[in-house]
N, C-alpha and C. Protein backbone atom coordinates (compact mmCIF):
# COMPACT_ATOMS: atom_id res chain seq x y z
N UNK A 1 -10.31 -16.16 0.92
CA UNK A 1 -10.02 -16.47 -0.47
C UNK A 1 -8.63 -17.08 -0.58
N UNK A 2 -8.42 -17.91 -1.59
CA UNK A 2 -7.08 -18.43 -1.86
C UNK A 2 -6.28 -17.37 -2.57
N UNK A 3 -4.94 -17.47 -2.46
CA UNK A 3 -4.14 -16.41 -3.04
C UNK A 3 -3.99 -16.61 -4.55
N UNK A 4 -3.61 -15.53 -5.21
CA UNK A 4 -3.55 -15.48 -6.67
C UNK A 4 -2.12 -15.22 -7.10
N UNK A 5 -1.61 -16.06 -8.00
CA UNK A 5 -0.30 -15.84 -8.61
C UNK A 5 -0.54 -15.41 -10.05
N UNK A 6 -0.01 -14.26 -10.43
CA UNK A 6 -0.20 -13.76 -11.79
C UNK A 6 1.12 -13.21 -12.31
N UNK A 7 1.51 -13.67 -13.50
CA UNK A 7 2.79 -13.27 -14.08
C UNK A 7 3.94 -13.55 -13.12
N UNK A 8 3.80 -14.65 -12.37
CA UNK A 8 4.86 -15.04 -11.45
C UNK A 8 4.92 -14.24 -10.17
N UNK A 9 3.94 -13.35 -9.95
CA UNK A 9 3.93 -12.48 -8.77
C UNK A 9 2.72 -12.80 -7.92
N UNK A 10 2.92 -12.86 -6.61
CA UNK A 10 1.81 -13.08 -5.70
C UNK A 10 1.01 -11.80 -5.57
N UNK A 11 -0.29 -11.89 -5.87
CA UNK A 11 -1.14 -10.70 -5.89
C UNK A 11 -2.04 -10.67 -4.67
N UNK A 12 -2.36 -9.46 -4.23
CA UNK A 12 -3.35 -9.30 -3.18
C UNK A 12 -2.78 -9.38 -1.78
N UNK A 13 -3.69 -9.30 -0.82
CA UNK A 13 -3.31 -9.24 0.60
C UNK A 13 -4.03 -10.31 1.40
N UNK A 14 -4.33 -11.43 0.72
CA UNK A 14 -5.14 -12.49 1.31
C UNK A 14 -4.65 -12.95 2.66
N UNK A 15 -3.33 -13.00 2.89
CA UNK A 15 -2.80 -13.58 4.12
C UNK A 15 -2.71 -12.57 5.24
N UNK A 16 -3.09 -11.32 5.00
CA UNK A 16 -3.02 -10.29 6.04
C UNK A 16 -4.41 -9.93 6.55
N UNK A 17 -5.28 -9.50 5.66
CA UNK A 17 -6.58 -9.01 6.09
C UNK A 17 -7.54 -10.13 6.47
N UNK A 18 -7.27 -11.36 6.05
CA UNK A 18 -8.19 -12.45 6.35
C UNK A 18 -7.64 -13.42 7.39
N UNK A 19 -6.58 -13.06 8.06
CA UNK A 19 -6.00 -13.92 9.09
C UNK A 19 -6.98 -14.09 10.25
N UNK A 20 -6.99 -15.29 10.83
CA UNK A 20 -7.80 -15.54 12.03
C UNK A 20 -6.96 -15.46 13.30
N UNK A 21 -5.67 -15.22 13.14
CA UNK A 21 -4.79 -15.09 14.30
C UNK A 21 -5.14 -13.81 15.05
N UNK A 22 -5.50 -13.89 16.34
CA UNK A 22 -5.94 -12.68 17.06
C UNK A 22 -4.87 -11.62 17.17
N UNK A 23 -3.61 -12.02 17.30
CA UNK A 23 -2.53 -11.03 17.39
C UNK A 23 -2.38 -10.31 16.06
N UNK A 24 -2.38 -11.08 14.96
CA UNK A 24 -2.25 -10.45 13.64
C UNK A 24 -3.44 -9.55 13.36
N UNK A 25 -4.62 -9.97 13.77
CA UNK A 25 -5.81 -9.13 13.55
C UNK A 25 -5.68 -7.81 14.31
N UNK A 26 -5.13 -7.85 15.52
CA UNK A 26 -4.92 -6.63 16.29
C UNK A 26 -3.92 -5.71 15.59
N UNK A 27 -2.82 -6.28 15.11
CA UNK A 27 -1.80 -5.48 14.43
C UNK A 27 -2.37 -4.85 13.16
N UNK A 28 -3.12 -5.62 12.41
CA UNK A 28 -3.71 -5.11 11.17
C UNK A 28 -4.73 -4.01 11.47
N UNK A 29 -5.51 -4.19 12.53
CA UNK A 29 -6.48 -3.15 12.88
C UNK A 29 -5.78 -1.84 13.22
N UNK A 30 -4.67 -1.92 13.95
CA UNK A 30 -3.91 -0.71 14.27
C UNK A 30 -3.31 -0.08 13.02
N UNK A 31 -2.86 -0.93 12.11
CA UNK A 31 -2.33 -0.45 10.83
C UNK A 31 -3.41 0.32 10.06
N UNK A 32 -4.59 -0.27 9.95
CA UNK A 32 -5.68 0.37 9.21
C UNK A 32 -6.16 1.64 9.91
N UNK A 33 -6.18 1.63 11.24
CA UNK A 33 -6.57 2.83 11.98
C UNK A 33 -5.61 3.98 11.70
N UNK A 34 -4.32 3.66 11.58
CA UNK A 34 -3.32 4.69 11.29
C UNK A 34 -3.51 5.24 9.88
N UNK A 35 -3.73 4.35 8.91
CA UNK A 35 -4.02 4.81 7.55
C UNK A 35 -5.23 5.74 7.54
N UNK A 36 -6.26 5.34 8.25
CA UNK A 36 -7.50 6.12 8.28
C UNK A 36 -7.25 7.52 8.88
N UNK A 37 -6.52 7.56 9.98
CA UNK A 37 -6.24 8.85 10.62
C UNK A 37 -5.47 9.79 9.70
N UNK A 38 -4.45 9.26 9.04
CA UNK A 38 -3.64 10.10 8.16
C UNK A 38 -4.43 10.54 6.93
N UNK A 39 -5.23 9.64 6.38
CA UNK A 39 -6.03 10.00 5.20
C UNK A 39 -7.05 11.08 5.54
N UNK A 40 -7.70 10.96 6.67
CA UNK A 40 -8.70 11.96 7.06
C UNK A 40 -8.07 13.33 7.25
N UNK A 41 -6.81 13.35 7.65
CA UNK A 41 -6.15 14.64 7.86
C UNK A 41 -5.94 15.40 6.55
N UNK A 42 -6.08 14.71 5.42
CA UNK A 42 -5.87 15.32 4.10
C UNK A 42 -7.18 15.67 3.40
N UNK A 43 -8.30 15.26 3.97
CA UNK A 43 -9.56 15.30 3.24
C UNK A 43 -9.93 16.71 2.76
N UNK A 44 -9.63 17.72 3.56
CA UNK A 44 -10.02 19.08 3.19
C UNK A 44 -9.33 19.56 1.92
N UNK A 45 -8.17 18.97 1.61
CA UNK A 45 -7.38 19.41 0.45
C UNK A 45 -7.60 18.56 -0.79
N UNK A 46 -8.42 17.51 -0.69
CA UNK A 46 -8.47 16.51 -1.76
C UNK A 46 -9.88 16.34 -2.32
N UNK A 47 -9.95 16.25 -3.63
CA UNK A 47 -11.22 15.97 -4.32
C UNK A 47 -11.16 14.67 -5.11
N UNK A 48 -9.95 14.19 -5.37
CA UNK A 48 -9.78 12.93 -6.11
C UNK A 48 -8.71 12.10 -5.43
N UNK A 49 -8.85 10.78 -5.50
CA UNK A 49 -7.90 9.89 -4.85
C UNK A 49 -7.66 8.67 -5.72
N UNK A 50 -6.44 8.15 -5.65
CA UNK A 50 -6.02 6.99 -6.43
C UNK A 50 -5.31 6.02 -5.50
N UNK A 51 -5.79 4.77 -5.46
CA UNK A 51 -5.16 3.72 -4.65
C UNK A 51 -4.38 2.81 -5.59
N UNK A 52 -3.06 2.91 -5.53
CA UNK A 52 -2.17 2.17 -6.44
C UNK A 52 -1.78 0.84 -5.79
N UNK A 53 -1.90 -0.26 -6.56
CA UNK A 53 -1.67 -1.57 -5.98
C UNK A 53 -2.78 -1.91 -5.00
N UNK A 54 -4.01 -1.68 -5.45
CA UNK A 54 -5.17 -1.72 -4.55
C UNK A 54 -5.55 -3.11 -4.07
N UNK A 55 -5.02 -4.16 -4.73
CA UNK A 55 -5.36 -5.51 -4.31
C UNK A 55 -6.86 -5.74 -4.33
N UNK A 56 -7.37 -6.36 -3.26
CA UNK A 56 -8.79 -6.68 -3.19
C UNK A 56 -9.68 -5.48 -2.89
N UNK A 57 -9.07 -4.30 -2.74
CA UNK A 57 -9.86 -3.10 -2.51
C UNK A 57 -10.11 -2.77 -1.06
N UNK A 58 -9.39 -3.42 -0.14
CA UNK A 58 -9.59 -3.16 1.29
C UNK A 58 -9.22 -1.72 1.62
N UNK A 59 -8.01 -1.31 1.22
CA UNK A 59 -7.60 0.07 1.51
C UNK A 59 -8.38 1.07 0.66
N UNK A 60 -8.78 0.67 -0.54
CA UNK A 60 -9.56 1.57 -1.39
C UNK A 60 -10.88 1.93 -0.71
N UNK A 61 -11.55 0.93 -0.16
CA UNK A 61 -12.81 1.18 0.55
C UNK A 61 -12.58 2.04 1.79
N UNK A 62 -11.50 1.77 2.50
CA UNK A 62 -11.17 2.56 3.68
C UNK A 62 -10.97 4.03 3.30
N UNK A 63 -10.22 4.26 2.24
CA UNK A 63 -9.94 5.64 1.81
C UNK A 63 -11.21 6.32 1.30
N UNK A 64 -12.07 5.58 0.64
CA UNK A 64 -13.34 6.15 0.16
C UNK A 64 -14.13 6.74 1.33
N UNK A 65 -14.07 6.08 2.47
CA UNK A 65 -14.85 6.50 3.63
C UNK A 65 -14.16 7.60 4.43
N UNK A 66 -13.02 8.10 3.95
CA UNK A 66 -12.28 9.14 4.67
C UNK A 66 -12.54 10.54 4.12
N UNK A 67 -13.47 10.65 3.17
CA UNK A 67 -13.83 11.96 2.66
C UNK A 67 -12.85 12.56 1.68
N UNK A 68 -12.16 11.69 0.92
CA UNK A 68 -11.15 12.16 -0.03
C UNK A 68 -11.71 12.48 -1.41
N UNK A 69 -13.02 12.37 -1.55
CA UNK A 69 -13.63 12.65 -2.84
C UNK A 69 -13.72 11.40 -3.71
N UNK A 70 -13.71 11.60 -5.01
CA UNK A 70 -13.84 10.50 -5.96
C UNK A 70 -12.58 9.63 -5.92
N UNK A 71 -12.75 8.32 -5.73
CA UNK A 71 -11.59 7.44 -5.61
C UNK A 71 -11.62 6.36 -6.67
N UNK A 72 -10.43 5.97 -7.12
CA UNK A 72 -10.25 4.88 -8.08
C UNK A 72 -9.15 3.97 -7.55
N UNK A 73 -9.15 2.72 -8.02
CA UNK A 73 -8.09 1.79 -7.67
C UNK A 73 -7.46 1.21 -8.92
N UNK A 74 -6.14 0.99 -8.87
CA UNK A 74 -5.44 0.33 -9.97
C UNK A 74 -4.57 -0.78 -9.40
N UNK A 75 -4.42 -1.85 -10.18
CA UNK A 75 -3.57 -2.97 -9.79
C UNK A 75 -3.14 -3.69 -11.07
N UNK A 76 -2.00 -4.39 -10.99
CA UNK A 76 -1.50 -5.10 -12.16
C UNK A 76 -2.25 -6.40 -12.42
N UNK A 77 -2.96 -6.92 -11.42
CA UNK A 77 -3.54 -8.25 -11.49
C UNK A 77 -5.01 -8.22 -11.88
N UNK A 78 -5.33 -8.83 -13.02
CA UNK A 78 -6.73 -8.92 -13.45
C UNK A 78 -7.54 -9.77 -12.48
N UNK A 79 -6.93 -10.85 -11.99
CA UNK A 79 -7.63 -11.74 -11.08
C UNK A 79 -8.01 -11.06 -9.78
N UNK A 80 -7.09 -10.31 -9.22
CA UNK A 80 -7.36 -9.66 -7.94
C UNK A 80 -8.36 -8.52 -8.11
N UNK A 81 -8.36 -7.89 -9.29
CA UNK A 81 -9.33 -6.81 -9.54
C UNK A 81 -10.75 -7.35 -9.63
N UNK A 82 -10.92 -8.59 -10.06
CA UNK A 82 -12.25 -9.19 -10.05
C UNK A 82 -12.79 -9.25 -8.63
N UNK A 83 -11.92 -9.59 -7.69
CA UNK A 83 -12.32 -9.63 -6.28
C UNK A 83 -12.67 -8.22 -5.80
N UNK A 84 -11.82 -7.26 -6.15
CA UNK A 84 -12.06 -5.87 -5.72
C UNK A 84 -13.40 -5.36 -6.23
N UNK A 85 -13.72 -5.67 -7.48
CA UNK A 85 -14.98 -5.18 -8.05
C UNK A 85 -16.18 -5.84 -7.39
N UNK A 86 -16.07 -7.12 -7.07
CA UNK A 86 -17.18 -7.80 -6.38
C UNK A 86 -17.41 -7.20 -5.01
N UNK A 87 -16.33 -6.87 -4.32
CA UNK A 87 -16.45 -6.35 -2.96
C UNK A 87 -16.83 -4.88 -2.92
N UNK A 88 -16.50 -4.15 -3.98
CA UNK A 88 -16.72 -2.70 -3.99
C UNK A 88 -17.31 -2.28 -5.33
N UNK A 89 -18.56 -2.65 -5.61
CA UNK A 89 -19.12 -2.39 -6.94
C UNK A 89 -19.25 -0.91 -7.29
N UNK A 90 -19.22 -0.04 -6.30
CA UNK A 90 -19.38 1.39 -6.59
C UNK A 90 -18.06 2.10 -6.90
N UNK A 91 -16.93 1.38 -6.76
CA UNK A 91 -15.62 1.99 -6.99
C UNK A 91 -15.07 1.53 -8.34
N UNK A 92 -14.61 2.45 -9.19
CA UNK A 92 -13.99 2.04 -10.46
C UNK A 92 -12.57 1.52 -10.25
N UNK A 93 -12.28 0.38 -10.87
CA UNK A 93 -10.95 -0.22 -10.80
C UNK A 93 -10.42 -0.43 -12.21
N UNK A 94 -9.11 -0.31 -12.34
CA UNK A 94 -8.47 -0.43 -13.66
C UNK A 94 -7.21 -1.29 -13.53
N UNK A 95 -6.99 -2.13 -14.53
CA UNK A 95 -5.76 -2.92 -14.56
C UNK A 95 -4.63 -2.06 -15.13
N UNK A 96 -3.64 -1.79 -14.29
CA UNK A 96 -2.56 -0.91 -14.69
C UNK A 96 -1.36 -1.13 -13.78
N UNK A 97 -0.18 -1.20 -14.38
CA UNK A 97 1.05 -1.29 -13.60
C UNK A 97 1.41 0.07 -13.03
N UNK A 98 2.02 0.07 -11.87
CA UNK A 98 2.48 1.33 -11.27
C UNK A 98 3.41 2.08 -12.22
N UNK A 99 4.20 1.34 -12.98
CA UNK A 99 5.17 1.98 -13.88
C UNK A 99 4.50 2.74 -15.03
N UNK A 100 3.24 2.41 -15.30
CA UNK A 100 2.53 3.02 -16.42
C UNK A 100 1.59 4.15 -16.00
N UNK A 101 1.65 4.57 -14.77
CA UNK A 101 0.81 5.68 -14.33
C UNK A 101 1.12 6.94 -15.13
N UNK A 102 0.06 7.64 -15.52
CA UNK A 102 0.26 8.85 -16.32
C UNK A 102 -0.76 9.92 -15.98
N UNK A 103 -0.88 10.89 -16.84
CA UNK A 103 -1.72 12.06 -16.57
C UNK A 103 -3.17 11.67 -16.31
N UNK A 104 -3.64 10.61 -16.95
CA UNK A 104 -5.03 10.18 -16.76
C UNK A 104 -5.29 9.72 -15.33
N UNK A 105 -4.25 9.33 -14.63
CA UNK A 105 -4.41 8.86 -13.25
C UNK A 105 -4.09 9.94 -12.22
N UNK A 106 -3.72 11.11 -12.65
CA UNK A 106 -3.32 12.16 -11.71
C UNK A 106 -4.45 12.45 -10.72
N UNK A 107 -4.11 12.50 -9.43
CA UNK A 107 -5.11 12.69 -8.38
C UNK A 107 -4.53 13.53 -7.26
N UNK A 108 -5.41 14.17 -6.50
CA UNK A 108 -4.95 14.96 -5.37
C UNK A 108 -4.25 14.08 -4.34
N UNK A 109 -4.87 12.94 -4.04
CA UNK A 109 -4.36 12.02 -3.02
C UNK A 109 -4.00 10.70 -3.70
N UNK A 110 -2.80 10.23 -3.45
CA UNK A 110 -2.34 8.96 -4.03
C UNK A 110 -1.82 8.08 -2.90
N UNK A 111 -2.23 6.82 -2.91
CA UNK A 111 -1.74 5.88 -1.90
C UNK A 111 -1.10 4.68 -2.58
N UNK A 112 -0.10 4.12 -1.92
CA UNK A 112 0.53 2.87 -2.35
C UNK A 112 0.91 2.13 -1.07
N UNK A 113 -0.01 1.34 -0.57
CA UNK A 113 0.17 0.65 0.71
C UNK A 113 0.58 -0.80 0.46
N UNK A 114 1.73 -1.17 0.99
CA UNK A 114 2.26 -2.53 0.83
C UNK A 114 2.51 -2.84 -0.64
N UNK A 115 3.12 -1.90 -1.34
CA UNK A 115 3.38 -2.03 -2.77
C UNK A 115 4.87 -1.98 -3.08
N UNK A 116 5.55 -0.98 -2.56
CA UNK A 116 6.93 -0.71 -2.98
C UNK A 116 7.89 -1.84 -2.64
N UNK A 117 7.61 -2.60 -1.59
CA UNK A 117 8.51 -3.70 -1.23
C UNK A 117 8.47 -4.83 -2.26
N UNK A 118 7.46 -4.83 -3.12
CA UNK A 118 7.31 -5.90 -4.12
C UNK A 118 7.95 -5.56 -5.46
N UNK A 119 8.40 -4.34 -5.64
CA UNK A 119 8.81 -3.89 -6.97
C UNK A 119 10.26 -4.23 -7.29
N UNK A 120 10.47 -4.69 -8.52
CA UNK A 120 11.84 -4.90 -9.00
C UNK A 120 12.53 -3.57 -9.25
N UNK A 121 11.76 -2.53 -9.51
CA UNK A 121 12.31 -1.20 -9.78
C UNK A 121 11.64 -0.18 -8.87
N UNK A 122 11.96 -0.21 -7.59
CA UNK A 122 11.26 0.68 -6.65
C UNK A 122 11.48 2.16 -6.93
N UNK A 123 12.65 2.54 -7.43
CA UNK A 123 12.88 3.95 -7.74
C UNK A 123 11.94 4.42 -8.84
N UNK A 124 11.75 3.58 -9.85
CA UNK A 124 10.82 3.93 -10.93
C UNK A 124 9.39 4.00 -10.40
N UNK A 125 9.06 3.10 -9.47
CA UNK A 125 7.73 3.13 -8.88
C UNK A 125 7.49 4.42 -8.11
N UNK A 126 8.48 4.85 -7.34
CA UNK A 126 8.34 6.10 -6.59
C UNK A 126 8.23 7.29 -7.54
N UNK A 127 9.00 7.27 -8.62
CA UNK A 127 8.91 8.33 -9.62
C UNK A 127 7.50 8.40 -10.21
N UNK A 128 6.91 7.24 -10.46
CA UNK A 128 5.56 7.20 -11.03
C UNK A 128 4.54 7.78 -10.07
N UNK A 129 4.68 7.48 -8.79
CA UNK A 129 3.76 8.03 -7.79
C UNK A 129 3.88 9.55 -7.72
N UNK A 130 5.11 10.04 -7.76
CA UNK A 130 5.32 11.49 -7.74
C UNK A 130 4.73 12.15 -8.98
N UNK A 131 4.77 11.43 -10.08
CA UNK A 131 4.29 11.97 -11.36
C UNK A 131 2.78 12.24 -11.32
N UNK A 132 2.04 11.44 -10.56
CA UNK A 132 0.58 11.57 -10.59
C UNK A 132 0.00 12.16 -9.31
N UNK A 133 0.85 12.48 -8.34
CA UNK A 133 0.37 12.99 -7.05
C UNK A 133 0.26 14.50 -7.07
N UNK A 134 -0.96 14.99 -6.81
CA UNK A 134 -1.17 16.42 -6.82
C UNK A 134 -0.95 17.09 -5.48
N UNK A 135 -1.27 16.39 -4.38
CA UNK A 135 -1.23 17.05 -3.08
C UNK A 135 -0.62 16.20 -1.97
N UNK A 136 -1.14 14.98 -1.77
CA UNK A 136 -0.67 14.13 -0.68
C UNK A 136 -0.44 12.70 -1.17
N UNK A 137 0.56 12.05 -0.59
CA UNK A 137 0.86 10.66 -0.92
C UNK A 137 0.99 9.87 0.37
N UNK A 138 0.29 8.75 0.45
CA UNK A 138 0.32 7.88 1.63
C UNK A 138 0.99 6.57 1.24
N UNK A 139 2.08 6.24 1.92
CA UNK A 139 2.89 5.07 1.57
C UNK A 139 3.10 4.20 2.81
N UNK A 140 3.09 2.89 2.60
CA UNK A 140 3.43 1.99 3.71
C UNK A 140 4.26 0.82 3.20
N UNK A 141 5.18 0.38 4.05
CA UNK A 141 6.00 -0.81 3.79
C UNK A 141 6.24 -1.52 5.12
N UNK A 142 6.65 -2.79 5.09
CA UNK A 142 7.07 -3.45 6.32
C UNK A 142 8.28 -2.75 6.93
N UNK A 143 8.31 -2.64 8.24
CA UNK A 143 9.45 -2.08 8.96
C UNK A 143 10.45 -3.20 9.22
N UNK A 144 11.52 -3.20 8.47
CA UNK A 144 12.52 -4.26 8.55
C UNK A 144 13.72 -3.84 9.41
N UNK A 145 14.36 -4.82 10.06
CA UNK A 145 14.13 -6.27 10.00
C UNK A 145 13.05 -6.77 10.96
N UNK A 146 12.33 -5.86 11.60
CA UNK A 146 11.32 -6.25 12.58
C UNK A 146 10.26 -7.15 11.96
N UNK A 147 9.80 -6.81 10.77
CA UNK A 147 8.74 -7.57 10.12
C UNK A 147 9.16 -9.02 9.91
N UNK A 148 10.36 -9.20 9.36
CA UNK A 148 10.86 -10.56 9.13
C UNK A 148 11.07 -11.30 10.45
N UNK A 149 11.56 -10.59 11.45
CA UNK A 149 11.79 -11.22 12.75
C UNK A 149 10.50 -11.73 13.36
N UNK A 150 9.44 -10.95 13.28
CA UNK A 150 8.15 -11.40 13.82
C UNK A 150 7.62 -12.60 13.05
N UNK A 151 7.78 -12.58 11.73
CA UNK A 151 7.39 -13.75 10.94
C UNK A 151 8.15 -14.99 11.39
N UNK A 152 9.45 -14.85 11.54
CA UNK A 152 10.30 -16.00 11.88
C UNK A 152 9.91 -16.58 13.23
N UNK A 153 9.74 -15.72 14.22
CA UNK A 153 9.43 -16.22 15.56
C UNK A 153 7.99 -16.70 15.69
N UNK A 154 7.16 -16.35 14.71
CA UNK A 154 5.81 -16.89 14.65
C UNK A 154 5.76 -18.21 13.89
N UNK A 155 6.93 -18.68 13.43
CA UNK A 155 7.00 -19.94 12.71
C UNK A 155 6.66 -19.84 11.24
N UNK A 156 6.73 -18.63 10.68
CA UNK A 156 6.38 -18.43 9.27
C UNK A 156 7.63 -18.21 8.43
N UNK A 157 7.68 -18.85 7.28
CA UNK A 157 8.73 -18.65 6.27
C UNK A 157 10.13 -18.90 6.84
N UNK A 158 10.29 -19.95 7.61
CA UNK A 158 11.59 -20.25 8.20
C UNK A 158 12.67 -20.42 7.15
N UNK A 159 12.33 -21.10 6.05
CA UNK A 159 13.34 -21.35 5.02
C UNK A 159 13.79 -20.05 4.35
N UNK A 160 13.00 -19.00 4.51
CA UNK A 160 13.32 -17.69 3.94
C UNK A 160 13.75 -16.70 5.02
N UNK A 161 14.05 -17.23 6.21
CA UNK A 161 14.45 -16.40 7.36
C UNK A 161 13.40 -15.32 7.65
N UNK A 162 12.13 -15.71 7.52
CA UNK A 162 11.04 -14.82 7.85
C UNK A 162 10.61 -13.87 6.75
N UNK A 163 11.27 -13.92 5.60
CA UNK A 163 10.93 -12.98 4.52
C UNK A 163 9.65 -13.43 3.81
N UNK A 164 8.66 -12.57 3.78
CA UNK A 164 7.40 -12.91 3.13
C UNK A 164 7.59 -13.10 1.63
N UNK A 165 6.89 -14.05 1.02
CA UNK A 165 7.00 -14.26 -0.42
C UNK A 165 6.69 -12.97 -1.19
N UNK A 166 7.54 -12.66 -2.15
CA UNK A 166 7.31 -11.48 -2.97
C UNK A 166 7.93 -10.20 -2.46
N UNK A 167 8.49 -10.22 -1.25
CA UNK A 167 9.14 -9.02 -0.73
C UNK A 167 10.57 -8.95 -1.26
N UNK A 168 10.81 -8.00 -2.15
CA UNK A 168 12.11 -7.85 -2.79
C UNK A 168 12.95 -6.75 -2.16
N UNK A 169 12.29 -5.80 -1.52
CA UNK A 169 12.98 -4.64 -0.93
C UNK A 169 12.70 -4.58 0.56
N UNK A 170 13.70 -4.20 1.32
CA UNK A 170 13.60 -4.23 2.78
C UNK A 170 14.15 -2.92 3.34
N UNK A 171 13.27 -2.16 3.98
CA UNK A 171 13.66 -0.86 4.52
C UNK A 171 13.39 -0.79 6.02
N UNK A 172 14.31 -0.25 6.77
CA UNK A 172 13.99 0.22 8.11
C UNK A 172 13.19 1.51 7.96
N UNK A 173 12.62 2.01 9.06
CA UNK A 173 11.87 3.26 8.97
C UNK A 173 12.74 4.40 8.47
N UNK A 174 13.97 4.48 8.99
CA UNK A 174 14.87 5.56 8.57
C UNK A 174 15.26 5.45 7.12
N UNK A 175 15.55 4.22 6.67
CA UNK A 175 15.94 4.02 5.28
C UNK A 175 14.78 4.33 4.34
N UNK A 176 13.56 3.96 4.76
CA UNK A 176 12.41 4.24 3.90
C UNK A 176 12.16 5.74 3.81
N UNK A 177 12.32 6.43 4.91
CA UNK A 177 12.15 7.89 4.86
C UNK A 177 13.14 8.52 3.89
N UNK A 178 14.39 8.07 3.94
CA UNK A 178 15.39 8.62 3.02
C UNK A 178 15.05 8.30 1.57
N UNK A 179 14.53 7.11 1.35
CA UNK A 179 14.12 6.71 0.00
C UNK A 179 12.99 7.62 -0.50
N UNK A 180 11.98 7.83 0.32
CA UNK A 180 10.83 8.64 -0.08
C UNK A 180 11.23 10.10 -0.30
N UNK A 181 12.16 10.60 0.50
CA UNK A 181 12.55 12.01 0.42
C UNK A 181 13.26 12.36 -0.89
N UNK A 182 13.59 11.35 -1.66
CA UNK A 182 14.17 11.63 -2.97
C UNK A 182 13.17 12.36 -3.86
N UNK A 183 11.88 12.07 -3.68
CA UNK A 183 10.85 12.68 -4.54
C UNK A 183 9.76 13.43 -3.77
N UNK A 184 9.70 13.24 -2.46
CA UNK A 184 8.62 13.84 -1.67
C UNK A 184 9.17 14.53 -0.43
N UNK A 185 8.35 15.40 0.14
CA UNK A 185 8.64 16.00 1.43
C UNK A 185 7.79 15.28 2.47
N UNK A 186 8.42 14.66 3.44
CA UNK A 186 7.71 13.87 4.45
C UNK A 186 6.99 14.81 5.42
N UNK A 187 5.68 14.59 5.57
CA UNK A 187 4.85 15.38 6.48
C UNK A 187 4.70 14.68 7.82
N UNK A 188 4.54 13.36 7.78
CA UNK A 188 4.33 12.59 9.01
C UNK A 188 4.85 11.18 8.78
N UNK A 189 5.34 10.56 9.84
CA UNK A 189 5.79 9.17 9.77
C UNK A 189 5.27 8.44 11.00
N UNK A 190 4.66 7.29 10.79
CA UNK A 190 4.11 6.48 11.88
C UNK A 190 4.69 5.08 11.79
N UNK A 191 4.70 4.41 12.93
CA UNK A 191 5.30 3.07 12.98
C UNK A 191 4.39 2.09 13.73
N UNK A 192 3.19 1.84 13.22
CA UNK A 192 2.35 0.82 13.86
C UNK A 192 2.99 -0.55 13.64
N UNK A 193 3.33 -1.22 14.70
CA UNK A 193 4.03 -2.50 14.62
C UNK A 193 3.32 -3.47 13.66
N UNK A 194 4.03 -4.06 12.68
CA UNK A 194 5.44 -3.90 12.30
C UNK A 194 5.59 -3.20 10.93
N UNK A 195 4.96 -2.05 10.76
CA UNK A 195 5.00 -1.33 9.50
C UNK A 195 5.56 0.09 9.68
N UNK A 196 5.93 0.68 8.56
CA UNK A 196 6.23 2.11 8.50
C UNK A 196 5.22 2.75 7.55
N UNK A 197 4.59 3.83 8.00
CA UNK A 197 3.63 4.56 7.17
C UNK A 197 4.10 6.01 7.06
N UNK A 198 4.15 6.51 5.85
CA UNK A 198 4.59 7.89 5.61
C UNK A 198 3.51 8.65 4.86
N UNK A 199 3.20 9.83 5.36
CA UNK A 199 2.38 10.79 4.63
C UNK A 199 3.31 11.86 4.10
N UNK A 200 3.23 12.12 2.80
CA UNK A 200 4.19 13.03 2.18
C UNK A 200 3.49 13.92 1.16
N UNK A 201 4.21 14.97 0.76
CA UNK A 201 3.74 15.86 -0.29
C UNK A 201 4.81 15.95 -1.36
N UNK A 202 4.40 16.09 -2.62
CA UNK A 202 5.40 16.16 -3.70
C UNK A 202 6.25 17.41 -3.56
N UNK A 203 7.52 17.29 -3.94
CA UNK A 203 8.41 18.44 -3.89
C UNK A 203 8.12 19.39 -5.04
């Protein structure tokens, strides 16, 4: 699919999950395998799940198959949610900004994969996730500066020194852990090249 720009923001994950580059496909598969492993480890404690910034519903479908119970997806982009609904007709999706999450979205398991690096107000975004998380929170961001370096040496985004369009925040694994610990207790941290994935519980 072609990518979608909405409200001046690039929506979705079109350039990651649909890449034909064999190296990128391998990296993405390892990323998804790690998400799956961590999500399954929470299944016994969870009856409801919420995928925040769900994009086309790739991670939403993955989480649905991990035994987390009833799952929903939310995203700010109406256009990208049309894609998610076509691909996953059995999953309910809602147009909603991360900043507007409230009691109606409260779930045992909350995920925000490849979301926080795009936010103009990441602290507010993290607060919103903590507000609706009942038991476990799964978060992922690019591991910087490694992510940008790999982009640059692959010939991507040279004029931006390897920075992917829409990435406003850049964390190393250690910096991201410290950021998350402001509102959560970190249970596990994984580093499938070139990402950081954290499983956490609300304080």
